[in-house]
Amino acid sequence: MEPPVRLASTGTIIHGVSVGELLGVSTLADARLLAGESGLGRVVQRLNVMEVPDILAWVKPHELLLTTGYPLRNTPQSLGRLVTDLDDRGLAALAIKLGRYVDELPPEMVEQADRLGFPLILLPNDVGFDDILNQVLTDILNRQAAVLVRAEEAHRALVQVVLAGGGLDEVTAEVAALLDVSVAAVDGRGRVLASAGPHEAALREIVGREGSSAPSGAPASGPRVSASVPVIAGGHHHGRIVAYSPAGSICDSDVGILERAATVAALAVTRQEAVHAVESKYRADFLRDVLTGRAGSIERVAARGRAFGWDLERPVTVLVAELDPDGDERTAQDRLVTSWTAAMRRHDPRGAVAGFSHEVVAVVDASVDAARVARDAASAFADSPPVTFSTGTSRPSRGPDTLPEAYSQALKAARVGRQLHGPGAVAHFDQLGVYRLLSLVNDTDELHAFVRETLGPLASDDDAENADLRRTLQVLLETNLNVAETARRLHFHYNTLRYRIGKLERLLGNFTDDPHLRLNLTLALHVLRMRGI
């Protein structure tokens, strides 16, 4: 069996033989581990012999260092420090012959080796270094040759997956067959996109429990994924390829194959994204033509809608979601489309949804609660940075021929709703009332002039009392000049309210006797409520 996975600090996979495996070869059959048992998983790639006191200048990482102790015969006190220095340089282990030049290892050296997990091996006196070198190096070369052969087989198999246009299902199935383990492709949120292998159900359960917390490339103990490598394409992290074995570990060459599979998965993801982008553009272009009345006959609209999985022949409601002005459209628009697509999939799988340049439009069954769909999409969108969108809802549309009118209603409801209630508003066209008419006035300067002419000094907030007087006027108009009811709502004394009415009439005119003036005042107050004009 090959050694457990061990990665260098750069994430490079280290191929070789573990110290624990070396203790099982014939030349080391009588060797004895003196200390550092926790480091038996260290990987040996090369061997070296210590014949000079300043050996530190010549050692390399992942070496098994052999010594008779001759260079240290006159300075046994340096043995304690030697373990720390060798461990700092990444050596795998130190094997020593005792009795000839060094009688025993000092206790501090053994303690330090146990603390660092650095194996100290006592070599048999009757075994020559050349025998150890030959056998261990042969094992390492054979192991690396086998790894290369296996990697080449995996490479050919994965290339065939790419050439055949395979996706994540084919990638996971191929890798599971190659490694005889369970393999899953997981997205950035921890959702399993594809899986295969003998313990597929167990792997799905483990991934669902762990989410995206598994360490990349490293084995884990207990009921966890055995190995995990990231899937990166175009500089973006798209998820990971994970493998599970009931034994709890995956060998280093297997992780190498997983990394090749992650590269193939990245190609599949980018290809899928490109196809999805083209399909999304066609869907969006067609829906835009439908909503602007340029898609052709009713029969053609219905037929093409069915090709996209949409049912446009039933009574529907149109929803328009627009990013609020403070949001960054470059990063938020795609997330807005994703949120609405997911919400529509849950509430109305036959509904149409597409992203335009500045908005997302959904066509949903008229029996579905449109406000609930909007809240669902907003909830998913809220997982991202704090950007909001406003939603408008149309009246029910009986079929494709009335969809352009419904789209216009929803668009107007979204924009007027934001003006009235601020960012994140959800407004229905039928609830706009007089604001629907005011929104038709494109000349905002004319609206401002109307407010100034009608409300006079109350049109501005130069005086702190102006807002209070406008509130009093608004409630008076809402109660049809019912002084008692107005006083009750505003918590004023009756005489206080009579005084305020007198002051309002001196500023605005005799509105209590002039119904036309009351209408103008009502409209002016409505205009003030419309934000963004």
Protein backbone atom coordinates (compact mmCIF):
# COMPACT_ATOMS: atom_id res chain seq x y z
CA MET A 1 0.00 0.00 0.00
CA GLU A 2 1.21 3.50 -0.75
CA PRO A 3 1.86 6.04 2.00
CA PRO A 4 -0.76 8.47 3.23
CA VAL A 5 -1.09 11.85 1.58
CA ARG A 6 1.53 14.35 2.62
CA LEU A 7 1.74 17.80 1.06
CA ALA A 8 4.59 20.26 1.08
CA SER A 9 3.95 23.83 2.26
CA THR A 10 3.33 24.84 -1.33
CA GLY A 11 0.65 22.20 -1.76
CA THR A 12 2.87 20.01 -4.01
CA ILE A 13 2.25 16.29 -3.64
CA ILE A 14 5.28 14.38 -2.33
CA HIS A 15 5.80 10.90 -3.85
CA GLY A 16 7.95 8.44 -1.94
CA VAL A 17 7.87 5.80 0.78
CA SER A 18 6.76 6.48 4.33
CA VAL A 19 9.14 5.88 7.25
CA GLY A 20 6.71 3.30 8.60
CA GLU A 21 6.87 1.32 5.35
CA LEU A 22 10.67 1.44 5.30
CA LEU A 23 10.80 -0.32 8.65
CA GLY A 24 9.18 -3.29 6.94
CA VAL A 25 11.82 -3.85 4.24
CA SER A 26 14.17 -6.80 4.68
CA THR A 27 17.33 -4.81 5.40
CA LEU A 28 15.56 -2.94 8.20
CA ALA A 29 13.55 -5.87 9.53
CA ASP A 30 15.55 -5.86 12.78
CA ALA A 31 15.64 -2.07 13.09
CA ARG A 32 13.91 -0.57 16.12
CA LEU A 33 12.09 2.72 16.51
CA LEU A 34 13.57 4.64 19.44
CA ALA A 35 11.41 7.79 19.33
CA GLY A 36 9.13 9.92 17.13
CA GLU A 37 6.42 7.34 16.48
CA SER A 38 3.91 10.05 15.49
CA GLY A 39 6.15 10.85 12.50
CA LEU A 40 6.04 7.43 10.82
CA GLY A 41 3.93 8.97 8.05
CA ARG A 42 6.80 11.21 6.95
CA VAL A 43 7.75 10.54 3.34
CA VAL A 44 11.24 9.46 2.31
CA GLN A 45 12.36 10.51 -1.17
CA ARG A 46 16.10 10.17 -0.87
CA LEU A 47 18.84 8.87 1.45
CA ASN A 48 22.04 10.41 2.76
CA VAL A 49 24.92 9.34 4.96
CA MET A 50 26.26 11.54 7.75
CA GLU A 51 30.04 11.45 7.74
CA VAL A 52 30.91 15.04 8.60
CA PRO A 53 29.98 17.13 11.66
CA ASP A 54 28.51 19.98 9.58
CA ILE A 55 25.99 17.72 7.83
CA LEU A 56 23.26 20.40 7.97
CA ALA A 57 24.76 22.15 4.96
CA TRP A 58 24.28 19.00 2.85
CA VAL A 59 20.92 17.59 3.83
CA LYS A 60 17.68 18.03 1.85
CA PRO A 61 14.00 17.70 2.69
CA HIS A 62 12.47 14.20 2.81
CA GLU A 63 15.80 12.48 3.37
CA LEU A 64 16.48 9.46 5.53
CA LEU A 65 19.81 10.26 7.16
CA LEU A 66 22.04 7.27 8.03
CA THR A 67 24.92 7.59 10.52
CA THR A 68 27.26 5.55 12.71
CA GLY A 69 27.63 8.53 15.02
CA TYR A 70 31.26 8.88 14.06
CA PRO A 71 31.07 12.67 13.33
CA LEU A 72 29.50 13.19 16.76
CA ARG A 73 31.73 10.93 18.83
CA ASN A 74 33.53 13.86 20.45
CA THR A 75 30.48 16.09 20.89
CA PRO A 76 27.61 13.91 22.18
CA GLN A 77 26.10 17.01 23.79
CA SER A 78 25.17 18.29 20.31
CA LEU A 79 22.83 15.34 19.63
CA GLY A 80 19.90 17.02 21.39
CA ARG A 81 20.09 20.06 19.14
CA LEU A 82 20.65 17.90 16.04
CA VAL A 83 17.04 16.61 16.03
CA THR A 84 15.61 20.12 16.01
CA ASP A 85 17.94 21.24 13.21
CA LEU A 86 17.11 18.20 11.05
CA ASP A 87 13.38 18.63 11.63
CA ASP A 88 13.61 22.31 10.68
CA ARG A 89 15.12 21.27 7.35
CA GLY A 90 12.29 18.85 6.62
CA LEU A 91 14.18 15.57 6.99
CA ALA A 92 12.13 12.41 7.25
CA ALA A 93 14.09 10.49 9.90
CA LEU A 94 17.50 9.76 11.41
CA ALA A 95 18.78 6.15 11.52
CA ILE A 96 21.84 5.49 13.71
CA LYS A 97 24.09 2.58 14.73
CA LEU A 98 24.99 2.60 18.43
CA GLY A 99 27.84 0.97 20.33
CA ARG A 100 30.71 1.72 18.05
CA TYR A 101 31.17 5.50 18.33
CA VAL A 102 28.14 6.54 20.37
CA ASP A 103 27.00 4.22 23.14
CA GLU A 104 23.52 5.68 23.72
CA LEU A 105 21.36 8.62 22.75
CA PRO A 106 20.96 11.33 25.38
CA PRO A 107 17.47 11.50 26.99
CA GLU A 108 16.91 15.07 25.78
CA MET A 109 17.42 13.90 22.17
CA VAL A 110 14.77 11.17 22.56
CA GLU A 111 12.37 13.58 24.27
CA GLN A 112 12.82 16.18 21.55
CA ALA A 113 12.22 13.57 18.82
CA ASP A 114 8.98 12.44 20.47
CA ARG A 115 7.85 16.04 20.87
CA LEU A 116 8.53 16.86 17.20
CA GLY A 117 7.34 13.54 15.79
CA PHE A 118 10.78 13.02 14.25
CA PRO A 119 11.55 9.28 13.96
CA LEU A 120 14.83 8.02 15.47
CA ILE A 121 15.68 4.53 14.24
CA LEU A 122 18.22 2.13 15.77
CA LEU A 123 19.94 0.22 12.92
CA PRO A 124 21.19 -3.37 13.26
CA ASN A 125 24.98 -3.54 13.42
CA ASP A 126 25.17 -6.33 10.84
CA VAL A 127 23.48 -4.38 8.05
CA GLY A 128 25.61 -2.25 5.73
CA PHE A 129 24.62 1.19 4.58
CA ASP A 130 25.03 0.13 0.95
CA ASP A 131 22.39 -2.61 1.39
CA ILE A 132 19.97 -0.11 2.89
CA LEU A 133 20.67 2.43 0.17
CA ASN A 134 20.16 -0.07 -2.64
CA GLN A 135 16.95 -1.57 -1.33
CA VAL A 136 15.29 1.67 -0.23
CA LEU A 137 16.20 3.56 -3.40
CA THR A 138 14.92 0.66 -5.49
CA ASP A 139 11.62 0.76 -3.60
CA ILE A 140 11.34 4.51 -4.11
CA LEU A 141 12.08 4.29 -7.84
CA ASN A 142 9.64 1.41 -8.30
CA ARG A 143 7.00 3.35 -6.40
CA GLN A 144 7.50 6.48 -8.47
CA ALA A 145 7.46 4.46 -11.72
CA ALA A 146 4.15 2.87 -10.68
CA VAL A 147 2.77 6.30 -9.81
CA LEU A 148 3.75 7.62 -13.24
CA VAL A 149 2.14 4.67 -15.02
CA ARG A 150 -1.07 5.08 -13.02
CA ALA A 151 -1.10 8.82 -13.59
CA GLU A 152 -0.68 8.27 -17.33
CA GLU A 153 -3.63 5.87 -17.38
CA ALA A 154 -5.74 8.38 -15.48
CA HIS A 155 -4.63 11.16 -17.82
CA ARG A 156 -5.71 9.20 -20.90
CA ALA A 157 -9.07 8.35 -19.34
CA LEU A 158 -9.78 11.93 -18.32
CA VAL A 159 -8.71 13.27 -21.71
CA GLN A 160 -11.26 10.94 -23.30
CA VAL A 161 -13.91 12.43 -20.99
CA VAL A 162 -12.99 15.91 -22.22
CA LEU A 163 -12.90 14.91 -25.90
CA ALA A 164 -16.27 13.18 -25.60
CA GLY A 165 -17.82 16.36 -24.15
CA GLY A 166 -18.42 14.78 -20.76
CA GLY A 167 -19.54 16.79 -17.76
CA LEU A 168 -19.22 16.44 -14.01
CA ASP A 169 -21.20 13.18 -13.95
CA GLU A 170 -18.71 11.56 -16.31
CA VAL A 171 -15.70 13.00 -14.46
CA THR A 172 -16.80 11.70 -11.06
CA ALA A 173 -17.75 8.30 -12.50
CA GLU A 174 -14.36 7.93 -14.22
CA VAL A 175 -12.34 8.93 -11.16
CA ALA A 176 -14.39 6.69 -8.87
CA ALA A 177 -13.67 3.75 -11.18
CA LEU A 178 -9.95 4.59 -11.36
CA LEU A 179 -9.46 4.95 -7.60
CA ASP A 180 -12.16 2.55 -6.36
CA VAL A 181 -13.42 5.24 -3.98
CA SER A 182 -16.46 7.48 -3.88
CA VAL A 183 -16.03 10.86 -5.60
CA ALA A 184 -18.22 13.97 -5.66
CA ALA A 185 -18.10 17.36 -7.35
CA VAL A 186 -19.21 20.01 -4.87
CA ASP A 187 -19.98 23.66 -5.58
CA GLY A 188 -18.85 26.65 -3.52
CA ARG A 189 -21.87 26.36 -1.20
CA GLY A 190 -21.26 22.71 -0.40
CA ARG A 191 -23.97 21.32 -2.68
CA VAL A 192 -23.18 18.04 -4.44
CA LEU A 193 -23.40 18.55 -8.22
CA ALA A 194 -22.41 15.02 -9.22
CA SER A 195 -21.22 11.91 -7.42
CA ALA A 196 -20.27 8.28 -8.07
CA GLY A 197 -18.66 5.32 -6.36
CA PRO A 198 -19.42 2.44 -4.00
CA HIS A 199 -20.12 4.69 -1.00
CA GLU A 200 -21.86 7.50 -2.85
CA ALA A 201 -24.68 7.89 -0.30
CA ALA A 202 -22.22 8.09 2.60
CA LEU A 203 -20.14 10.69 0.77
CA ARG A 204 -23.21 12.85 0.07
CA GLU A 205 -24.15 12.69 3.75
CA ILE A 206 -20.63 13.63 4.85
CA VAL A 207 -20.39 16.54 2.39
CA GLY A 208 -23.80 17.78 3.48
CA ARG A 209 -22.68 17.73 7.09
CA GLU A 210 -19.29 19.32 6.53
CA GLY A 211 -20.32 21.96 3.98
CA SER A 212 -17.16 23.52 2.60
CA SER A 213 -15.05 23.13 5.74
CA ALA A 214 -12.95 20.16 4.65
CA PRO A 215 -9.23 20.95 4.33
CA SER A 216 -8.00 21.10 0.77
CA GLY A 217 -5.81 18.19 -0.26
CA ALA A 218 -5.34 16.68 3.19
CA PRO A 219 -6.81 13.50 4.65
CA ALA A 220 -9.07 13.71 7.65
CA SER A 221 -9.74 11.25 10.45
CA GLY A 222 -13.17 9.99 11.38
CA PRO A 223 -16.27 10.26 9.24
CA ARG A 224 -14.94 12.98 6.94
CA VAL A 225 -13.98 13.24 3.31
CA SER A 226 -10.61 11.58 2.76
CA ALA A 227 -9.25 14.15 0.29
CA SER A 228 -10.36 17.39 -1.30
CA VAL A 229 -8.92 19.52 -4.11
CA PRO A 230 -10.25 22.86 -5.39
CA VAL A 231 -11.81 23.40 -8.81
CA ILE A 232 -10.50 26.72 -10.14
CA ALA A 233 -11.30 28.17 -13.56
CA GLY A 234 -10.74 31.67 -14.85
CA GLY A 235 -9.36 32.74 -11.49
CA HIS A 236 -12.65 31.81 -9.76
CA HIS A 237 -13.16 29.11 -7.17
CA HIS A 238 -16.01 26.92 -8.45
CA GLY A 239 -15.99 24.31 -5.67
CA ARG A 240 -14.01 21.16 -5.12
CA ILE A 241 -13.58 17.50 -6.00
CA VAL A 242 -13.78 15.32 -2.90
CA ALA A 243 -13.08 11.62 -2.40
CA TYR A 244 -14.17 9.29 0.37
CA SER A 245 -12.86 5.92 1.44
CA PRO A 246 -14.09 4.06 4.52
CA ALA A 247 -10.44 3.61 5.47
CA GLY A 248 -10.29 7.39 5.94
CA SER A 249 -7.20 8.09 3.83
CA ILE A 250 -6.29 8.52 0.18
CA CYS A 251 -2.73 7.92 -1.03
CA ASP A 252 -0.64 10.68 -2.56
CA SER A 253 -0.89 9.44 -6.14
CA ASP A 254 -4.68 9.34 -5.77
CA VAL A 255 -4.66 13.00 -4.80
CA GLY A 256 -2.63 13.65 -7.94
CA ILE A 257 -5.38 12.02 -9.99
CA LEU A 258 -7.97 14.08 -8.12
CA GLU A 259 -6.07 17.21 -9.11
CA ARG A 260 -6.14 16.14 -12.76
CA ALA A 261 -9.87 15.49 -12.35
CA ALA A 262 -10.29 18.98 -10.87
CA THR A 263 -8.67 20.43 -14.00
CA VAL A 264 -11.08 18.48 -16.21
CA ALA A 265 -13.97 19.55 -13.96
CA ALA A 266 -12.88 23.17 -14.39
CA LEU A 267 -13.04 22.72 -18.17
CA ALA A 268 -16.50 21.20 -17.86
CA VAL A 269 -17.67 24.05 -15.62
CA THR A 270 -16.38 26.75 -17.98
CA ARG A 271 -17.92 24.98 -20.97
CA GLN A 272 -21.23 24.67 -19.15
CA GLU A 273 -21.10 28.34 -18.15
CA ALA A 274 -20.43 29.36 -21.75
CA VAL A 275 -23.35 27.26 -23.01
CA HIS A 276 -25.56 28.61 -20.23
CA ALA A 277 -24.58 32.18 -21.10
CA VAL A 278 -25.57 31.66 -24.74
CA GLU A 279 -28.85 29.99 -23.78
CA SER A 280 -29.61 32.73 -21.27
CA LYS A 281 -29.05 35.37 -23.94
CA TYR A 282 -31.45 33.63 -26.32
CA ARG A 283 -34.04 33.28 -23.57
CA ALA A 284 -33.65 36.91 -22.52
CA ASP A 285 -33.84 38.17 -26.13
CA PHE A 286 -36.98 36.18 -26.79
CA LEU A 287 -38.68 37.27 -23.56
CA ARG A 288 -37.77 40.90 -24.30
CA ASP A 289 -39.38 40.55 -27.73
CA VAL A 290 -42.50 39.06 -26.14
CA LEU A 291 -42.77 41.88 -23.59
CA THR A 292 -42.30 44.56 -26.22
CA GLY A 293 -44.76 42.99 -28.68
CA ARG A 294 -42.15 42.06 -31.30
CA ALA A 295 -42.16 38.27 -30.94
CA GLY A 296 -44.73 37.56 -33.63
CA SER A 297 -48.08 35.82 -33.49
CA ILE A 298 -49.63 34.38 -30.37
CA GLU A 299 -49.10 30.88 -31.73
CA ARG A 300 -45.40 31.53 -32.37
CA VAL A 301 -44.91 33.02 -28.89
CA ALA A 302 -46.65 30.05 -27.27
CA ALA A 303 -44.65 27.51 -29.28
CA ARG A 304 -41.25 29.08 -28.61
CA GLY A 305 -42.20 29.52 -24.96
CA ARG A 306 -42.90 25.81 -24.68
CA ALA A 307 -39.47 25.11 -26.21
CA PHE A 308 -37.95 27.03 -23.29
CA GLY A 309 -40.17 25.23 -20.79
CA TRP A 310 -42.45 28.23 -20.31
CA ASP A 311 -46.25 28.27 -20.31
CA LEU A 312 -47.26 31.69 -21.64
CA GLU A 313 -50.81 30.75 -22.68
CA ARG A 314 -52.30 30.68 -19.16
CA PRO A 315 -53.23 33.74 -17.06
CA VAL A 316 -49.99 35.15 -15.70
CA THR A 317 -48.58 38.05 -13.72
CA VAL A 318 -45.45 39.95 -14.75
CA LEU A 319 -42.89 40.93 -12.11
CA VAL A 320 -40.01 43.35 -12.66
CA ALA A 321 -37.09 43.53 -10.22
CA GLU A 322 -34.71 46.49 -10.58
CA LEU A 323 -31.50 47.00 -8.64
CA ASP A 324 -31.75 50.07 -6.46
CA PRO A 325 -29.44 52.90 -7.56
CA ASP A 326 -26.95 52.49 -4.71
CA GLY A 327 -26.04 48.95 -5.80
CA ASP A 328 -23.07 47.95 -7.96
CA GLU A 329 -24.80 46.59 -11.05
CA ARG A 330 -21.66 44.99 -12.45
CA THR A 331 -21.43 42.51 -9.58
CA ALA A 332 -25.05 42.35 -8.45
CA GLN A 333 -26.96 41.78 -11.68
CA ASP A 334 -25.84 38.17 -12.10
CA ARG A 335 -26.69 37.42 -8.47
CA LEU A 336 -30.10 39.01 -8.95
CA VAL A 337 -30.81 36.73 -11.92
CA THR A 338 -29.66 33.69 -9.93
CA SER A 339 -31.87 34.58 -6.97
CA TRP A 340 -34.97 35.07 -9.11
CA THR A 341 -34.30 31.93 -11.14
CA ALA A 342 -34.09 29.86 -7.96
CA ALA A 343 -37.26 31.45 -6.56
CA MET A 344 -39.17 30.81 -9.78
CA ARG A 345 -38.00 27.20 -9.85
CA ARG A 346 -39.55 26.68 -6.42
CA HIS A 347 -42.82 28.55 -6.98
CA ASP A 348 -43.57 28.08 -10.68
CA PRO A 349 -41.27 25.78 -12.70
CA ARG A 350 -43.18 26.63 -15.90
CA GLY A 351 -42.78 30.35 -15.38
CA ALA A 352 -40.43 32.48 -17.47
CA VAL A 353 -37.54 34.40 -15.96
CA ALA A 354 -34.69 36.28 -17.64
CA GLY A 355 -32.19 38.99 -16.87
CA PHE A 356 -32.08 42.16 -18.94
CA SER A 357 -29.35 44.78 -18.74
CA HIS A 358 -30.78 46.59 -15.70
CA GLU A 359 -33.60 44.38 -14.45
CA VAL A 360 -34.92 40.86 -14.03
CA VAL A 361 -38.35 40.01 -15.44
CA ALA A 362 -40.44 37.04 -14.33
CA VAL A 363 -43.72 35.79 -15.79
CA VAL A 364 -45.49 33.72 -13.14
CA ASP A 365 -48.81 31.91 -12.92
CA ALA A 366 -51.51 34.37 -11.87
CA SER A 367 -52.55 32.04 -9.04
CA VAL A 368 -49.09 32.23 -7.44
CA ASP A 369 -48.52 34.79 -4.68
CA ALA A 370 -46.24 37.23 -6.51
CA ALA A 371 -45.25 39.04 -3.31
CA ARG A 372 -44.10 35.74 -1.83
CA VAL A 373 -41.93 35.03 -4.88
CA ALA A 374 -40.36 38.49 -4.50
CA ARG A 375 -39.69 37.90 -0.79
CA ASP A 376 -38.14 34.52 -1.56
CA ALA A 377 -35.82 36.05 -4.16
CA ALA A 378 -34.92 38.89 -1.79
CA SER A 379 -34.09 36.39 0.96
CA ALA A 380 -31.64 34.52 -1.30
CA PHE A 381 -30.20 37.81 -2.56
CA ALA A 382 -29.61 38.99 1.02
CA ASP A 383 -26.92 36.31 1.50
CA SER A 384 -24.65 38.47 -0.61
CA PRO A 385 -23.28 42.00 0.13
CA PRO A 386 -25.95 44.53 1.18
CA VAL A 387 -27.54 45.46 -2.17
CA THR A 388 -31.31 45.81 -2.55
CA PHE A 389 -33.78 45.73 -5.40
CA SER A 390 -37.33 47.01 -5.86
CA THR A 391 -40.08 44.87 -7.34
CA GLY A 392 -43.17 45.79 -9.31
CA THR A 393 -46.16 43.53 -10.00
CA SER A 394 -48.64 43.84 -12.86
CA ARG A 395 -52.32 43.09 -13.12
CA PRO A 396 -53.12 39.55 -14.32
CA SER A 397 -52.52 39.05 -18.04
CA ARG A 398 -54.85 36.70 -19.89
CA GLY A 399 -52.33 35.65 -22.55
CA PRO A 400 -49.33 36.54 -24.74
CA ASP A 401 -51.10 39.42 -26.48
CA THR A 402 -51.48 41.39 -23.21
CA LEU A 403 -47.99 40.69 -21.85
CA PRO A 404 -46.51 43.98 -23.18
CA GLU A 405 -49.13 45.94 -21.24
CA ALA A 406 -48.50 43.86 -18.11
CA TYR A 407 -44.74 44.43 -18.44
CA SER A 408 -45.29 48.19 -18.65
CA GLN A 409 -47.45 48.02 -15.51
CA ALA A 410 -44.85 46.03 -13.54
CA LEU A 411 -42.03 48.32 -14.61
CA LYS A 412 -44.01 51.38 -13.55
CA ALA A 413 -44.93 49.77 -10.23
CA ALA A 414 -41.27 48.99 -9.47
CA ARG A 415 -40.09 52.53 -10.13
CA VAL A 416 -42.98 54.35 -8.47
CA GLY A 417 -42.85 51.94 -5.53
CA ARG A 418 -39.19 52.83 -4.99
CA GLN A 419 -40.05 56.56 -5.14
CA LEU A 420 -42.80 56.12 -2.58
CA HIS A 421 -41.31 53.62 -0.16
CA GLY A 422 -37.57 53.70 -0.79
CA PRO A 423 -35.17 50.87 -1.76
CA GLY A 424 -36.38 47.31 -1.47
CA ALA A 425 -40.06 48.17 -2.08
CA VAL A 426 -42.57 45.65 -3.46
CA ALA A 427 -45.47 47.44 -5.19
CA HIS A 428 -48.51 46.28 -7.15
CA PHE A 429 -49.72 48.34 -10.08
CA ASP A 430 -53.27 48.49 -8.71
CA GLN A 431 -51.98 49.93 -5.43
CA LEU A 432 -50.34 52.96 -7.04
CA GLY A 433 -53.58 54.97 -7.31
CA VAL A 434 -52.96 58.58 -8.23
CA TYR A 435 -49.21 57.99 -8.18
CA ARG A 436 -49.67 56.01 -11.38
CA LEU A 437 -50.88 59.18 -13.09
CA LEU A 438 -48.20 61.36 -11.55
CA SER A 439 -45.52 58.97 -12.76
CA LEU A 440 -46.57 59.72 -16.34
CA VAL A 441 -45.30 63.30 -16.00
CA ASN A 442 -41.78 63.11 -17.37
CA ASP A 443 -41.00 66.78 -16.71
CA THR A 444 -39.89 66.75 -13.07
CA ASP A 445 -39.26 70.52 -13.15
CA GLU A 446 -42.96 70.98 -13.84
CA LEU A 447 -43.82 68.80 -10.85
CA HIS A 448 -41.49 70.81 -8.60
CA ALA A 449 -43.05 74.04 -9.85
CA PHE A 450 -46.54 72.70 -9.12
CA VAL A 451 -45.53 71.81 -5.56
CA ARG A 452 -44.00 75.25 -4.93
CA GLU A 453 -46.99 77.09 -6.38
CA THR A 454 -49.52 75.01 -4.43
CA LEU A 455 -47.84 74.63 -1.04
CA GLY A 456 -45.97 77.92 -1.02
CA PRO A 457 -43.62 78.14 1.99
CA LEU A 458 -44.63 74.63 3.09
CA ALA A 459 -42.95 73.15 0.02
CA SER A 460 -39.53 73.37 1.65
CA ASP A 461 -38.09 72.36 5.01
CA ASP A 462 -36.35 75.67 5.66
CA ASP A 463 -38.48 76.03 8.77
CA ALA A 464 -38.68 73.05 11.15
CA GLU A 465 -42.42 73.69 11.59
CA ASN A 466 -43.17 73.13 7.88
CA ALA A 467 -43.08 69.33 8.03
CA ASP A 468 -45.39 69.40 11.06
CA LEU A 469 -47.87 71.66 9.29
CA ARG A 470 -47.79 69.46 6.19
CA ARG A 471 -48.60 66.45 8.35
CA THR A 472 -51.56 68.29 9.84
CA LEU A 473 -52.79 69.28 6.38
CA GLN A 474 -52.44 65.73 5.08
CA VAL A 475 -54.50 64.21 7.91
CA LEU A 476 -57.15 66.92 7.52
CA LEU A 477 -57.49 66.08 3.84
CA GLU A 478 -57.52 62.32 4.54
CA THR A 479 -60.40 62.74 7.04
CA ASN A 480 -62.36 65.04 4.71
CA LEU A 481 -61.83 68.01 7.09
CA ASN A 482 -63.19 66.10 10.12
CA VAL A 483 -61.63 68.21 12.87
CA ALA A 484 -62.48 65.85 15.72
CA GLU A 485 -61.02 62.78 13.93
CA THR A 486 -57.93 64.73 12.87
CA ALA A 487 -57.34 65.91 16.44
CA ARG A 488 -57.67 62.33 17.66
CA ARG A 489 -55.16 60.98 15.10
CA LEU A 490 -52.61 63.72 15.76
CA HIS A 491 -53.20 63.72 19.53
CA PHE A 492 -53.97 67.46 19.48
CA HIS A 493 -56.42 69.40 21.59
CA TYR A 494 -59.41 70.53 19.55
CA ASN A 495 -58.58 74.22 20.01
CA THR A 496 -54.94 73.62 19.05
CA LEU A 497 -56.07 72.06 15.80
CA ARG A 498 -58.46 74.98 15.09
CA TYR A 499 -55.51 77.34 15.54
CA ARG A 500 -53.41 75.29 13.09
CA ILE A 501 -56.20 75.26 10.51
CA GLY A 502 -56.33 79.03 10.67
CA LYS A 503 -52.57 79.25 10.16
CA LEU A 504 -52.71 76.85 7.20
CA GLU A 505 -55.45 78.89 5.53
CA ARG A 506 -53.42 82.09 5.93
CA LEU A 507 -50.50 80.34 4.18
CA LEU A 508 -52.39 78.34 1.54
CA GLY A 509 -55.80 79.94 1.07
CA ASN A 510 -59.32 79.03 2.11
CA PHE A 511 -59.02 75.30 1.37
CA THR A 512 -61.82 74.37 3.79
CA ASP A 513 -64.35 75.97 1.39
CA ASP A 514 -62.59 75.38 -1.94
CA PRO A 515 -62.71 71.74 -3.19
CA HIS A 516 -60.43 72.52 -6.16
CA LEU A 517 -57.77 73.89 -3.83
CA ARG A 518 -58.10 70.79 -1.66
CA LEU A 519 -57.50 68.62 -4.74
CA ASN A 520 -54.40 70.60 -5.69
CA LEU A 521 -53.06 70.38 -2.14
CA THR A 522 -53.65 66.63 -2.08
CA LEU A 523 -51.79 66.18 -5.37
CA ALA A 524 -48.90 68.36 -4.20
CA LEU A 525 -48.53 66.29 -1.04
CA HIS A 526 -48.58 63.11 -3.15
CA VAL A 527 -45.82 64.50 -5.37
CA LEU A 528 -43.71 65.24 -2.30
CA ARG A 529 -44.06 61.60 -1.26
CA MET A 530 -42.62 60.43 -4.57
CA ARG A 531 -38.89 60.05 -4.06
CA GLY A 532 -36.31 60.75 -6.71
CA ILE A 533 -38.16 63.50 -8.63
